[in-house]
Amino acid sequence: MQQKQAYNQIRKHRSKIPAGDLAPTINLPLVGRIGLLFVLLLSLSVAHADFVVIGGNSVVERNRLRTDAELDLALDRTPAEALVAGIPLSLSVDIRLYRLKGPLWKKQIADWRYRHVLDYHRLSGRYSVENLASGQMKTFTTLIEALNSLSLVHISEKLPISIHDNDRLQVRLRARLETNELPAPLRLIALFFRDWQQTSEWQQWEIAR
């Protein structure tokens, strides 16, 4: 409850991009799009909206790790405008599994990454979200709807065989915008602009056995 109240206080100061503010631009070739993005990058957003892991939990059932988490994903103006200009964006959820070896030491024993590609389709004026693991794609009318479709995480993975029944386990989870999937010129520039460095803090919790 305290975590939820703290999040609500943070949310008051965060800025999401209204769907109506993202009007499609003129149809430009890739070189023109990159040039446009150079201009966009020079004007940084006043408010920086990062990703937030609101909360989560993990349990072990039948030798599988089940993780549920709630995210708040809000794109800053620069990547949102890049999306409408024709640049797909990759968003990932990273999960790491640790074995606790005392109060001050832990060992990572597994990690998983779940990637989705967010795209804008000029002809239909709709946004799509593709799950790269399953190949499943869904479309949405607005950017906010597309991002909200990724806000609830439900993941099930088989536990490594090295796990024992009496092991104390911990999960860490974060969400982030993957800039290494951008076109090469934009990828370099994104390293120096905070608008592109959207990532949540790692949230962690022990696993119920």
N, C-alpha and C. Protein backbone atom coordinates (compact mmCIF):
# COMPACT_ATOMS: atom_id res chain seq x y z
N MET A 1 0.83 -1.20 0.00
CA MET A 1 0.00 0.00 0.00
C MET A 1 0.86 1.25 0.00
N GLN A 2 1.94 1.24 0.83
CA GLN A 2 2.83 2.40 0.86
C GLN A 2 3.49 2.61 -0.49
N GLN A 3 3.86 1.49 -1.16
CA GLN A 3 4.48 1.62 -2.48
C GLN A 3 3.52 2.24 -3.48
N LYS A 4 2.24 1.85 -3.39
CA LYS A 4 1.23 2.38 -4.30
C LYS A 4 1.01 3.87 -4.06
N GLN A 5 0.97 4.28 -2.76
CA GLN A 5 0.77 5.69 -2.45
C GLN A 5 1.95 6.52 -2.92
N ALA A 6 3.16 5.98 -2.75
CA ALA A 6 4.34 6.71 -3.21
C ALA A 6 4.32 6.86 -4.71
N TYR A 7 3.88 5.81 -5.40
CA TYR A 7 3.80 5.89 -6.86
C TYR A 7 2.80 6.95 -7.29
N ASN A 8 1.64 7.01 -6.61
CA ASN A 8 0.63 8.00 -6.98
C ASN A 8 1.17 9.41 -6.85
N GLN A 9 2.03 9.67 -5.84
CA GLN A 9 2.63 10.99 -5.70
C GLN A 9 3.57 11.28 -6.87
N ILE A 10 4.34 10.26 -7.28
CA ILE A 10 5.25 10.45 -8.42
C ILE A 10 4.47 10.73 -9.69
N ARG A 11 3.37 10.01 -9.85
CA ARG A 11 2.61 10.09 -11.10
C ARG A 11 2.06 11.49 -11.35
N LYS A 12 1.79 12.25 -10.27
CA LYS A 12 1.26 13.60 -10.43
C LYS A 12 2.22 14.50 -11.18
N HIS A 13 3.51 14.20 -11.10
CA HIS A 13 4.52 15.07 -11.69
C HIS A 13 5.04 14.54 -13.01
N ARG A 14 4.49 13.42 -13.49
CA ARG A 14 4.98 12.84 -14.73
C ARG A 14 4.08 13.27 -15.88
N SER A 15 4.65 13.38 -17.05
CA SER A 15 3.93 13.91 -18.21
C SER A 15 3.86 12.86 -19.29
N LYS A 16 2.65 12.51 -19.67
CA LYS A 16 2.47 11.62 -20.81
C LYS A 16 2.09 12.45 -22.03
N ILE A 17 2.34 11.90 -23.19
CA ILE A 17 2.04 12.59 -24.43
C ILE A 17 0.62 12.25 -24.85
N PRO A 18 -0.30 13.20 -24.87
CA PRO A 18 -1.66 12.93 -25.34
C PRO A 18 -1.63 12.45 -26.77
N ALA A 19 -2.53 11.52 -27.07
CA ALA A 19 -2.56 10.96 -28.42
C ALA A 19 -2.78 12.04 -29.47
N GLY A 20 -3.57 13.04 -29.14
CA GLY A 20 -3.86 14.09 -30.11
C GLY A 20 -2.69 14.95 -30.45
N ASP A 21 -1.64 14.94 -29.60
CA ASP A 21 -0.46 15.77 -29.87
C ASP A 21 0.48 15.14 -30.87
N LEU A 22 0.22 13.91 -31.27
CA LEU A 22 1.13 13.20 -32.16
C LEU A 22 0.54 13.10 -33.55
N ALA A 23 0.38 14.22 -34.20
CA ALA A 23 -0.17 14.23 -35.55
C ALA A 23 0.86 13.67 -36.52
N PRO A 24 0.45 12.82 -37.49
CA PRO A 24 1.39 12.26 -38.45
C PRO A 24 2.09 13.36 -39.24
N THR A 25 3.38 13.13 -39.54
CA THR A 25 4.14 14.07 -40.34
C THR A 25 4.04 13.69 -41.81
N ILE A 26 4.64 14.50 -42.66
CA ILE A 26 4.63 14.19 -44.08
C ILE A 26 5.46 12.95 -44.34
N ASN A 27 5.20 12.28 -45.45
CA ASN A 27 5.90 11.05 -45.79
C ASN A 27 7.30 11.38 -46.27
N LEU A 28 8.32 10.95 -45.52
CA LEU A 28 9.71 11.24 -45.85
C LEU A 28 10.48 9.95 -46.05
N PRO A 29 11.49 9.95 -46.94
CA PRO A 29 12.37 8.79 -47.03
C PRO A 29 13.17 8.67 -45.74
N LEU A 30 13.86 7.51 -45.58
CA LEU A 30 14.58 7.25 -44.33
C LEU A 30 15.60 8.34 -44.03
N VAL A 31 16.34 8.81 -45.04
CA VAL A 31 17.34 9.85 -44.81
C VAL A 31 16.66 11.12 -44.29
N GLY A 32 15.50 11.44 -44.88
CA GLY A 32 14.77 12.62 -44.43
C GLY A 32 14.27 12.47 -43.01
N ARG A 33 13.86 11.25 -42.67
CA ARG A 33 13.39 11.01 -41.30
C ARG A 33 14.52 11.21 -40.30
N ILE A 34 15.69 10.69 -40.63
CA ILE A 34 16.84 10.85 -39.73
C ILE A 34 17.18 12.32 -39.57
N GLY A 35 17.13 13.08 -40.69
CA GLY A 35 17.40 14.51 -40.60
C GLY A 35 16.39 15.22 -39.72
N LEU A 36 15.14 14.82 -39.85
CA LEU A 36 14.10 15.41 -39.01
C LEU A 36 14.35 15.11 -37.54
N LEU A 37 14.80 13.90 -37.27
CA LEU A 37 15.04 13.51 -35.89
C LEU A 37 16.21 14.26 -35.29
N PHE A 38 17.21 14.62 -36.11
CA PHE A 38 18.31 15.44 -35.61
C PHE A 38 17.76 16.75 -35.05
N VAL A 39 16.80 17.33 -35.79
CA VAL A 39 16.20 18.58 -35.33
C VAL A 39 15.40 18.36 -34.06
N LEU A 40 14.65 17.26 -34.03
CA LEU A 40 13.84 16.97 -32.85
C LEU A 40 14.71 16.78 -31.61
N LEU A 41 15.86 16.17 -31.81
CA LEU A 41 16.74 15.89 -30.67
C LEU A 41 17.34 17.15 -30.08
N LEU A 42 17.40 18.21 -30.85
CA LEU A 42 18.00 19.45 -30.35
C LEU A 42 17.09 20.18 -29.38
N SER A 43 15.81 19.83 -29.41
CA SER A 43 14.86 20.47 -28.48
C SER A 43 14.42 19.44 -27.45
N LEU A 44 15.04 19.45 -26.30
CA LEU A 44 14.74 18.47 -25.27
C LEU A 44 13.41 18.80 -24.59
N SER A 45 12.70 17.77 -24.17
CA SER A 45 11.46 17.98 -23.44
C SER A 45 11.75 18.60 -22.08
N VAL A 46 10.85 19.46 -21.64
CA VAL A 46 11.01 20.07 -20.32
C VAL A 46 10.81 19.03 -19.23
N ALA A 47 9.79 18.19 -19.37
CA ALA A 47 9.51 17.16 -18.37
C ALA A 47 10.02 15.82 -18.88
N HIS A 48 10.66 15.06 -18.00
CA HIS A 48 11.21 13.77 -18.38
C HIS A 48 10.34 12.68 -17.77
N ALA A 49 9.73 11.87 -18.60
CA ALA A 49 8.84 10.80 -18.13
C ALA A 49 9.56 9.47 -18.24
N ASP A 50 9.94 8.91 -17.11
CA ASP A 50 10.65 7.65 -17.13
C ASP A 50 9.67 6.50 -16.98
N PHE A 51 10.18 5.27 -17.16
CA PHE A 51 9.37 4.09 -16.91
C PHE A 51 9.39 3.78 -15.41
N VAL A 52 8.30 3.20 -14.92
CA VAL A 52 8.19 2.89 -13.50
C VAL A 52 7.66 1.46 -13.34
N VAL A 53 8.31 0.69 -12.47
CA VAL A 53 7.77 -0.60 -12.03
C VAL A 53 6.96 -0.32 -10.76
N ILE A 54 5.65 -0.37 -10.88
CA ILE A 54 4.78 -0.04 -9.75
C ILE A 54 4.89 -1.10 -8.65
N GLY A 55 4.95 -2.35 -9.04
CA GLY A 55 5.05 -3.44 -8.07
C GLY A 55 5.09 -4.77 -8.77
N GLY A 56 5.38 -5.82 -8.01
CA GLY A 56 5.43 -7.14 -8.60
C GLY A 56 5.59 -8.21 -7.54
N ASN A 57 5.42 -9.46 -7.97
CA ASN A 57 5.65 -10.60 -7.09
C ASN A 57 5.95 -11.82 -7.93
N SER A 58 6.60 -12.79 -7.31
CA SER A 58 6.95 -14.03 -7.99
C SER A 58 6.69 -15.21 -7.06
N VAL A 59 6.25 -16.31 -7.63
CA VAL A 59 6.03 -17.54 -6.88
C VAL A 59 6.58 -18.71 -7.69
N VAL A 60 6.88 -19.79 -7.00
CA VAL A 60 7.32 -21.02 -7.65
C VAL A 60 6.18 -22.02 -7.59
N GLU A 61 5.78 -22.52 -8.76
CA GLU A 61 4.71 -23.50 -8.84
C GLU A 61 5.11 -24.58 -9.83
N ARG A 62 5.17 -25.82 -9.36
CA ARG A 62 5.48 -26.96 -10.22
C ARG A 62 6.78 -26.74 -10.99
N ASN A 63 7.77 -26.31 -10.26
CA ASN A 63 9.11 -26.10 -10.80
C ASN A 63 9.17 -25.00 -11.86
N ARG A 64 8.22 -24.09 -11.81
CA ARG A 64 8.22 -22.95 -12.72
C ARG A 64 8.15 -21.66 -11.91
N LEU A 65 8.82 -20.65 -12.42
CA LEU A 65 8.80 -19.33 -11.80
C LEU A 65 7.74 -18.48 -12.49
N ARG A 66 6.74 -18.07 -11.71
CA ARG A 66 5.69 -17.22 -12.26
C ARG A 66 5.85 -15.82 -11.68
N THR A 67 5.96 -14.83 -12.57
CA THR A 67 6.17 -13.44 -12.16
C THR A 67 5.06 -12.57 -12.72
N ASP A 68 4.48 -11.77 -11.85
CA ASP A 68 3.47 -10.78 -12.24
C ASP A 68 3.96 -9.41 -11.81
N ALA A 69 3.83 -8.43 -12.68
CA ALA A 69 4.27 -7.08 -12.35
C ALA A 69 3.38 -6.07 -13.06
N GLU A 70 3.34 -4.87 -12.50
CA GLU A 70 2.60 -3.76 -13.10
C GLU A 70 3.58 -2.64 -13.43
N LEU A 71 3.50 -2.14 -14.66
CA LEU A 71 4.40 -1.10 -15.14
C LEU A 71 3.62 0.16 -15.49
N ASP A 72 4.30 1.29 -15.45
CA ASP A 72 3.76 2.52 -16.02
C ASP A 72 4.76 2.98 -17.08
N LEU A 73 4.32 2.99 -18.33
CA LEU A 73 5.20 3.31 -19.46
C LEU A 73 4.71 4.59 -20.12
N ALA A 74 5.53 5.61 -20.11
CA ALA A 74 5.18 6.89 -20.73
C ALA A 74 6.37 7.35 -21.56
N LEU A 75 6.18 7.48 -22.86
CA LEU A 75 7.27 7.93 -23.73
C LEU A 75 7.45 9.44 -23.63
N ASP A 76 8.70 9.88 -23.61
CA ASP A 76 8.99 11.30 -23.74
C ASP A 76 8.66 11.76 -25.16
N ARG A 77 8.60 13.08 -25.33
CA ARG A 77 8.16 13.62 -26.61
C ARG A 77 9.08 13.22 -27.77
N THR A 78 10.39 13.23 -27.55
CA THR A 78 11.30 12.95 -28.66
C THR A 78 11.12 11.55 -29.23
N PRO A 79 11.16 10.47 -28.43
CA PRO A 79 10.91 9.15 -29.01
C PRO A 79 9.49 8.98 -29.52
N ALA A 80 8.51 9.67 -28.91
CA ALA A 80 7.14 9.58 -29.41
C ALA A 80 7.03 10.19 -30.81
N GLU A 81 7.70 11.32 -31.03
CA GLU A 81 7.67 11.95 -32.35
C GLU A 81 8.49 11.14 -33.36
N ALA A 82 9.56 10.50 -32.89
CA ALA A 82 10.33 9.63 -33.78
C ALA A 82 9.48 8.45 -34.24
N LEU A 83 8.67 7.92 -33.34
CA LEU A 83 7.78 6.82 -33.68
C LEU A 83 6.83 7.21 -34.79
N VAL A 84 6.19 8.37 -34.66
CA VAL A 84 5.25 8.84 -35.68
C VAL A 84 5.97 9.16 -36.98
N ALA A 85 7.25 9.53 -36.90
CA ALA A 85 8.03 9.83 -38.10
C ALA A 85 8.47 8.58 -38.84
N GLY A 86 8.21 7.40 -38.28
CA GLY A 86 8.51 6.16 -38.99
C GLY A 86 9.61 5.32 -38.39
N ILE A 87 10.02 5.59 -37.15
CA ILE A 87 11.08 4.82 -36.51
C ILE A 87 10.45 3.89 -35.47
N PRO A 88 10.45 2.56 -35.70
CA PRO A 88 9.91 1.64 -34.69
C PRO A 88 10.75 1.69 -33.41
N LEU A 89 10.12 1.46 -32.28
CA LEU A 89 10.80 1.47 -30.99
C LEU A 89 10.71 0.09 -30.34
N SER A 90 11.81 -0.33 -29.75
CA SER A 90 11.86 -1.61 -29.04
C SER A 90 11.81 -1.37 -27.53
N LEU A 91 10.88 -2.02 -26.87
CA LEU A 91 10.76 -1.94 -25.42
C LEU A 91 10.99 -3.33 -24.84
N SER A 92 11.71 -3.41 -23.75
CA SER A 92 12.01 -4.71 -23.17
C SER A 92 11.73 -4.72 -21.68
N VAL A 93 11.40 -5.90 -21.19
CA VAL A 93 11.31 -6.18 -19.76
C VAL A 93 12.41 -7.18 -19.45
N ASP A 94 13.30 -6.82 -18.53
CA ASP A 94 14.41 -7.68 -18.13
C ASP A 94 14.13 -8.25 -16.75
N ILE A 95 14.34 -9.55 -16.61
CA ILE A 95 14.17 -10.23 -15.32
C ILE A 95 15.44 -10.99 -15.00
N ARG A 96 15.90 -10.85 -13.76
CA ARG A 96 17.07 -11.59 -13.28
C ARG A 96 16.69 -12.37 -12.03
N LEU A 97 17.19 -13.59 -11.97
CA LEU A 97 16.92 -14.47 -10.84
C LEU A 97 18.21 -14.67 -10.05
N TYR A 98 18.12 -14.48 -8.73
CA TYR A 98 19.30 -14.59 -7.87
C TYR A 98 19.06 -15.63 -6.77
N ARG A 99 20.14 -16.28 -6.37
CA ARG A 99 20.15 -17.10 -5.17
C ARG A 99 20.79 -16.27 -4.06
N LEU A 100 20.08 -16.09 -2.96
CA LEU A 100 20.60 -15.30 -1.84
C LEU A 100 21.52 -16.16 -0.99
N LYS A 101 22.70 -15.62 -0.72
CA LYS A 101 23.71 -16.35 0.05
C LYS A 101 24.05 -15.62 1.34
N GLY A 102 23.08 -15.03 1.97
CA GLY A 102 23.33 -14.25 3.17
C GLY A 102 22.83 -12.84 2.98
N PRO A 103 22.97 -11.99 3.99
CA PRO A 103 22.42 -10.63 3.91
C PRO A 103 23.12 -9.72 2.91
N LEU A 104 24.37 -10.03 2.56
CA LEU A 104 25.15 -9.12 1.72
C LEU A 104 25.61 -9.73 0.40
N TRP A 105 25.26 -10.95 0.13
CA TRP A 105 25.79 -11.58 -1.08
C TRP A 105 24.71 -12.39 -1.78
N LYS A 106 24.68 -12.30 -3.09
CA LYS A 106 23.76 -13.08 -3.89
C LYS A 106 24.42 -13.42 -5.22
N LYS A 107 23.94 -14.48 -5.86
CA LYS A 107 24.51 -14.94 -7.12
C LYS A 107 23.42 -15.02 -8.17
N GLN A 108 23.69 -14.40 -9.33
CA GLN A 108 22.73 -14.47 -10.42
C GLN A 108 22.78 -15.85 -11.06
N ILE A 109 21.62 -16.46 -11.22
CA ILE A 109 21.58 -17.81 -11.77
C ILE A 109 20.75 -17.91 -13.05
N ALA A 110 20.03 -16.86 -13.40
CA ALA A 110 19.27 -16.87 -14.66
C ALA A 110 18.86 -15.45 -15.00
N ASP A 111 18.63 -15.21 -16.28
CA ASP A 111 18.08 -13.93 -16.72
C ASP A 111 17.26 -14.14 -17.98
N TRP A 112 16.23 -13.33 -18.11
CA TRP A 112 15.34 -13.40 -19.27
C TRP A 112 15.05 -11.99 -19.76
N ARG A 113 14.84 -11.87 -21.06
CA ARG A 113 14.47 -10.58 -21.66
C ARG A 113 13.25 -10.79 -22.56
N TYR A 114 12.27 -9.93 -22.39
CA TYR A 114 11.03 -10.02 -23.17
C TYR A 114 10.87 -8.72 -23.95
N ARG A 115 10.91 -8.83 -25.27
CA ARG A 115 10.96 -7.65 -26.12
C ARG A 115 9.68 -7.49 -26.92
N HIS A 116 9.27 -6.23 -27.06
CA HIS A 116 8.13 -5.85 -27.90
C HIS A 116 8.56 -4.70 -28.80
N VAL A 117 8.03 -4.70 -30.01
CA VAL A 117 8.30 -3.61 -30.95
C VAL A 117 7.04 -2.78 -31.12
N LEU A 118 7.18 -1.49 -30.84
CA LEU A 118 6.09 -0.53 -30.98
C LEU A 118 6.27 0.21 -32.30
N ASP A 119 5.22 0.24 -33.12
CA ASP A 119 5.33 0.87 -34.44
C ASP A 119 4.08 1.69 -34.72
N TYR A 120 4.24 2.65 -35.65
CA TYR A 120 3.11 3.48 -36.09
C TYR A 120 2.90 3.24 -37.58
N HIS A 121 1.65 3.01 -37.98
CA HIS A 121 1.31 2.71 -39.37
C HIS A 121 0.58 3.92 -39.97
N ARG A 122 1.26 4.58 -40.87
CA ARG A 122 0.79 5.85 -41.40
C ARG A 122 -0.55 5.72 -42.14
N LEU A 123 -0.70 4.67 -42.94
CA LEU A 123 -1.90 4.54 -43.76
C LEU A 123 -3.16 4.36 -42.90
N SER A 124 -3.04 3.54 -41.87
CA SER A 124 -4.21 3.28 -41.01
C SER A 124 -4.30 4.25 -39.85
N GLY A 125 -3.19 4.94 -39.53
CA GLY A 125 -3.17 5.83 -38.39
C GLY A 125 -3.24 5.10 -37.06
N ARG A 126 -2.83 3.82 -37.05
CA ARG A 126 -2.90 3.02 -35.84
C ARG A 126 -1.50 2.62 -35.37
N TYR A 127 -1.43 2.26 -34.10
CA TYR A 127 -0.18 1.81 -33.49
C TYR A 127 -0.24 0.29 -33.33
N SER A 128 0.90 -0.36 -33.47
CA SER A 128 0.96 -1.80 -33.28
C SER A 128 2.01 -2.15 -32.24
N VAL A 129 1.76 -3.25 -31.54
CA VAL A 129 2.71 -3.81 -30.58
C VAL A 129 2.92 -5.27 -30.95
N GLU A 130 4.18 -5.63 -31.24
CA GLU A 130 4.51 -7.00 -31.62
C GLU A 130 5.34 -7.66 -30.52
N ASN A 131 4.89 -8.82 -30.09
CA ASN A 131 5.65 -9.64 -29.15
C ASN A 131 6.66 -10.44 -29.96
N LEU A 132 7.95 -10.16 -29.80
CA LEU A 132 8.96 -10.81 -30.63
C LEU A 132 9.13 -12.28 -30.29
N ALA A 133 8.77 -12.69 -29.09
CA ALA A 133 8.91 -14.09 -28.71
C ALA A 133 7.83 -14.95 -29.37
N SER A 134 6.60 -14.46 -29.38
CA SER A 134 5.49 -15.24 -29.92
C SER A 134 5.13 -14.86 -31.35
N GLY A 135 5.56 -13.66 -31.79
CA GLY A 135 5.17 -13.17 -33.10
C GLY A 135 3.78 -12.57 -33.13
N GLN A 136 3.10 -12.54 -32.00
CA GLN A 136 1.74 -11.99 -31.93
C GLN A 136 1.79 -10.46 -32.03
N MET A 137 0.87 -9.91 -32.82
CA MET A 137 0.79 -8.46 -32.99
C MET A 137 -0.63 -7.98 -32.70
N LYS A 138 -0.71 -6.85 -31.98
CA LYS A 138 -1.99 -6.22 -31.71
C LYS A 138 -1.92 -4.77 -32.16
N THR A 139 -3.06 -4.21 -32.58
CA THR A 139 -3.10 -2.82 -33.02
C THR A 139 -4.00 -2.00 -32.10
N PHE A 140 -3.70 -0.69 -32.03
CA PHE A 140 -4.41 0.20 -31.12
C PHE A 140 -4.64 1.55 -31.78
N THR A 141 -5.66 2.25 -31.33
CA THR A 141 -6.01 3.54 -31.90
C THR A 141 -5.05 4.63 -31.46
N THR A 142 -4.60 4.59 -30.21
CA THR A 142 -3.75 5.64 -29.68
C THR A 142 -2.46 5.06 -29.11
N LEU A 143 -1.47 5.94 -28.94
CA LEU A 143 -0.20 5.54 -28.35
C LEU A 143 -0.39 5.11 -26.90
N ILE A 144 -1.21 5.83 -26.16
CA ILE A 144 -1.43 5.49 -24.76
C ILE A 144 -2.03 4.10 -24.63
N GLU A 145 -2.98 3.75 -25.51
CA GLU A 145 -3.56 2.41 -25.47
C GLU A 145 -2.49 1.36 -25.76
N ALA A 146 -1.62 1.64 -26.72
CA ALA A 146 -0.56 0.69 -27.06
C ALA A 146 0.38 0.46 -25.88
N LEU A 147 0.78 1.55 -25.22
CA LEU A 147 1.67 1.43 -24.07
C LEU A 147 0.98 0.74 -22.90
N ASN A 148 -0.29 1.05 -22.70
CA ASN A 148 -1.02 0.42 -21.60
C ASN A 148 -1.17 -1.08 -21.78
N SER A 149 -1.13 -1.54 -23.03
CA SER A 149 -1.23 -2.98 -23.28
C SER A 149 -0.02 -3.73 -22.74
N LEU A 150 1.06 -3.01 -22.48
CA LEU A 150 2.28 -3.62 -21.95
C LEU A 150 2.43 -3.40 -20.45
N SER A 151 1.43 -2.81 -19.82
CA SER A 151 1.58 -2.40 -18.42
C SER A 151 1.46 -3.56 -17.44
N LEU A 152 0.82 -4.64 -17.85
CA LEU A 152 0.70 -5.81 -16.98
C LEU A 152 1.57 -6.94 -17.51
N VAL A 153 2.49 -7.39 -16.69
CA VAL A 153 3.45 -8.43 -17.07
C VAL A 153 3.06 -9.74 -16.39
N HIS A 154 2.90 -10.78 -17.19
CA HIS A 154 2.61 -12.12 -16.67
C HIS A 154 3.57 -13.08 -17.37
N ILE A 155 4.52 -13.61 -16.62
CA ILE A 155 5.60 -14.41 -17.20
C ILE A 155 5.74 -15.71 -16.43
N SER A 156 5.96 -16.80 -17.16
CA SER A 156 6.21 -18.10 -16.55
C SER A 156 7.42 -18.74 -17.22
N GLU A 157 8.41 -19.10 -16.42
CA GLU A 157 9.64 -19.70 -16.94
C GLU A 157 10.01 -20.92 -16.09
N LYS A 158 10.59 -21.92 -16.74
CA LYS A 158 11.06 -23.10 -16.02
C LYS A 158 12.28 -22.74 -15.19
N LEU A 159 12.31 -23.19 -13.94
CA LEU A 159 13.45 -22.91 -13.06
C LEU A 159 14.69 -23.67 -13.51
N PRO A 160 15.87 -23.09 -13.36
CA PRO A 160 17.11 -23.82 -13.65
C PRO A 160 17.20 -25.07 -12.77
N ILE A 161 17.83 -26.11 -13.30
CA ILE A 161 17.91 -27.37 -12.56
C ILE A 161 18.79 -27.25 -11.32
N SER A 162 19.59 -26.19 -11.24
CA SER A 162 20.48 -26.01 -10.09
C SER A 162 19.76 -25.50 -8.85
N ILE A 163 18.47 -25.17 -8.97
CA ILE A 163 17.71 -24.65 -7.84
C ILE A 163 17.31 -25.78 -6.90
N HIS A 164 17.49 -25.55 -5.60
CA HIS A 164 17.10 -26.52 -4.58
C HIS A 164 15.90 -25.98 -3.79
N ASP A 165 15.18 -26.90 -3.17
CA ASP A 165 13.95 -26.53 -2.46
C ASP A 165 14.19 -25.53 -1.34
N ASN A 166 15.36 -25.60 -0.71
CA ASN A 166 15.62 -24.71 0.43
C ASN A 166 16.35 -23.43 0.05
N ASP A 167 16.54 -23.19 -1.24
CA ASP A 167 17.21 -21.96 -1.69
C ASP A 167 16.32 -20.74 -1.47
N ARG A 168 16.92 -19.67 -1.00
CA ARG A 168 16.23 -18.38 -0.96
C ARG A 168 16.48 -17.68 -2.29
N LEU A 169 15.40 -17.29 -2.96
CA LEU A 169 15.51 -16.72 -4.30
C LEU A 169 14.97 -15.30 -4.32
N GLN A 170 15.55 -14.51 -5.22
CA GLN A 170 15.13 -13.12 -5.39
C GLN A 170 15.00 -12.82 -6.88
N VAL A 171 14.00 -12.04 -7.23
CA VAL A 171 13.79 -11.58 -8.61
C VAL A 171 14.03 -10.08 -8.68
N ARG A 172 14.71 -9.65 -9.74
CA ARG A 172 14.84 -8.22 -10.04
C ARG A 172 14.24 -7.99 -11.42
N LEU A 173 13.51 -6.88 -11.58
CA LEU A 173 12.80 -6.61 -12.84
C LEU A 173 12.92 -5.13 -13.18
N ARG A 174 13.08 -4.85 -14.46
CA ARG A 174 13.07 -3.47 -14.94
C ARG A 174 12.46 -3.44 -16.34
N ALA A 175 12.03 -2.25 -16.76
CA ALA A 175 11.54 -2.01 -18.12
C ALA A 175 12.38 -0.90 -18.73
N ARG A 176 12.64 -1.00 -20.05
CA ARG A 176 13.49 0.02 -20.67
C ARG A 176 13.22 0.13 -22.17
N LEU A 177 13.59 1.28 -22.71
CA LEU A 177 13.57 1.54 -24.15
C LEU A 177 14.93 1.15 -24.70
N GLU A 178 14.98 0.27 -25.68
CA GLU A 178 16.24 -0.24 -26.22
C GLU A 178 16.73 0.67 -27.35
N THR A 179 17.71 1.49 -27.07
CA THR A 179 18.24 2.39 -28.10
C THR A 179 19.17 1.69 -29.06
N ASN A 180 19.68 0.51 -28.71
CA ASN A 180 20.59 -0.19 -29.62
C ASN A 180 19.88 -0.77 -30.84
N GLU A 181 18.55 -0.69 -30.86
CA GLU A 181 17.79 -1.15 -32.02
C GLU A 181 17.42 0.00 -32.97
N LEU A 182 17.82 1.22 -32.65
CA LEU A 182 17.54 2.37 -33.51
C LEU A 182 18.45 2.37 -34.73
N PRO A 183 18.10 3.11 -35.80
CA PRO A 183 19.02 3.29 -36.94
C PRO A 183 20.35 3.87 -36.46
N ALA A 184 21.43 3.48 -37.12
CA ALA A 184 22.79 3.80 -36.64
C ALA A 184 23.01 5.27 -36.30
N PRO A 185 22.68 6.24 -37.17
CA PRO A 185 22.94 7.65 -36.81
C PRO A 185 22.18 8.08 -35.56
N LEU A 186 20.94 7.65 -35.44
CA LEU A 186 20.12 8.02 -34.29
C LEU A 186 20.59 7.30 -33.03
N ARG A 187 21.07 6.08 -33.21
CA ARG A 187 21.56 5.30 -32.06
C ARG A 187 22.70 6.02 -31.36
N LEU A 188 23.60 6.61 -32.15
CA LEU A 188 24.74 7.33 -31.57
C LEU A 188 24.28 8.57 -30.82
N ILE A 189 23.38 9.33 -31.43
CA ILE A 189 22.91 10.56 -30.81
C ILE A 189 22.10 10.26 -29.55
N ALA A 190 21.36 9.15 -29.56
CA ALA A 190 20.51 8.81 -28.41
C ALA A 190 21.32 8.58 -27.14
N LEU A 191 22.61 8.28 -27.29
CA LEU A 191 23.46 8.06 -26.12
C LEU A 191 23.60 9.32 -25.27
N PHE A 192 23.42 10.50 -25.90
CA PHE A 192 23.70 11.76 -25.22
C PHE A 192 22.45 12.55 -24.86
N PHE A 193 21.28 12.00 -25.16
CA PHE A 193 20.04 12.73 -24.90
C PHE A 193 19.18 11.96 -23.91
N ARG A 194 18.82 12.61 -22.83
CA ARG A 194 18.10 11.95 -21.75
C ARG A 194 16.74 11.44 -22.20
N ASP A 195 16.11 12.12 -23.14
CA ASP A 195 14.80 11.69 -23.62
C ASP A 195 14.82 10.24 -24.11
N TRP A 196 15.97 9.80 -24.63
CA TRP A 196 16.08 8.45 -25.16
C TRP A 196 16.49 7.43 -24.11
N GLN A 197 16.93 7.89 -22.98
CA GLN A 197 17.45 6.97 -21.96
C GLN A 197 16.35 6.65 -20.95
N GLN A 198 15.29 6.08 -21.46
CA GLN A 198 14.13 5.77 -20.63
C GLN A 198 14.24 4.35 -20.09
N THR A 199 14.39 4.25 -18.79
CA THR A 199 14.48 2.95 -18.13
C THR A 199 13.98 3.09 -16.70
N SER A 200 13.38 2.05 -16.22
CA SER A 200 12.95 2.06 -14.82
C SER A 200 14.11 1.67 -13.93
N GLU A 201 13.97 1.95 -12.65
CA GLU A 201 14.90 1.39 -11.69
C GLU A 201 14.60 -0.10 -11.54
N TRP A 202 15.63 -0.84 -11.13
CA TRP A 202 15.41 -2.26 -10.82
C TRP A 202 14.53 -2.36 -9.57
N GLN A 203 13.46 -3.13 -9.66
CA GLN A 203 12.65 -3.46 -8.49
C GLN A 203 12.91 -4.92 -8.12
N GLN A 204 12.99 -5.22 -6.86
CA GLN A 204 13.32 -6.58 -6.44
C GLN A 204 12.41 -7.06 -5.33
N TRP A 205 12.24 -8.37 -5.28
CA TRP A 205 11.43 -9.00 -4.23
C TRP A 205 11.85 -10.46 -4.11
N GLU A 206 11.67 -10.99 -2.89
CA GLU A 206 11.96 -12.40 -2.67
C GLU A 206 10.80 -13.24 -3.20
N ILE A 207 11.12 -14.48 -3.53
CA ILE A 207 10.14 -15.37 -4.14
C ILE A 207 9.45 -16.20 -3.07
N ALA A 208 8.12 -16.24 -3.14
CA ALA A 208 7.35 -17.08 -2.24
C ALA A 208 7.48 -18.54 -2.68
N ARG A 209 7.84 -19.41 -1.73
CA ARG A 209 8.02 -20.84 -2.05
C ARG A 209 6.89 -21.66 -1.44
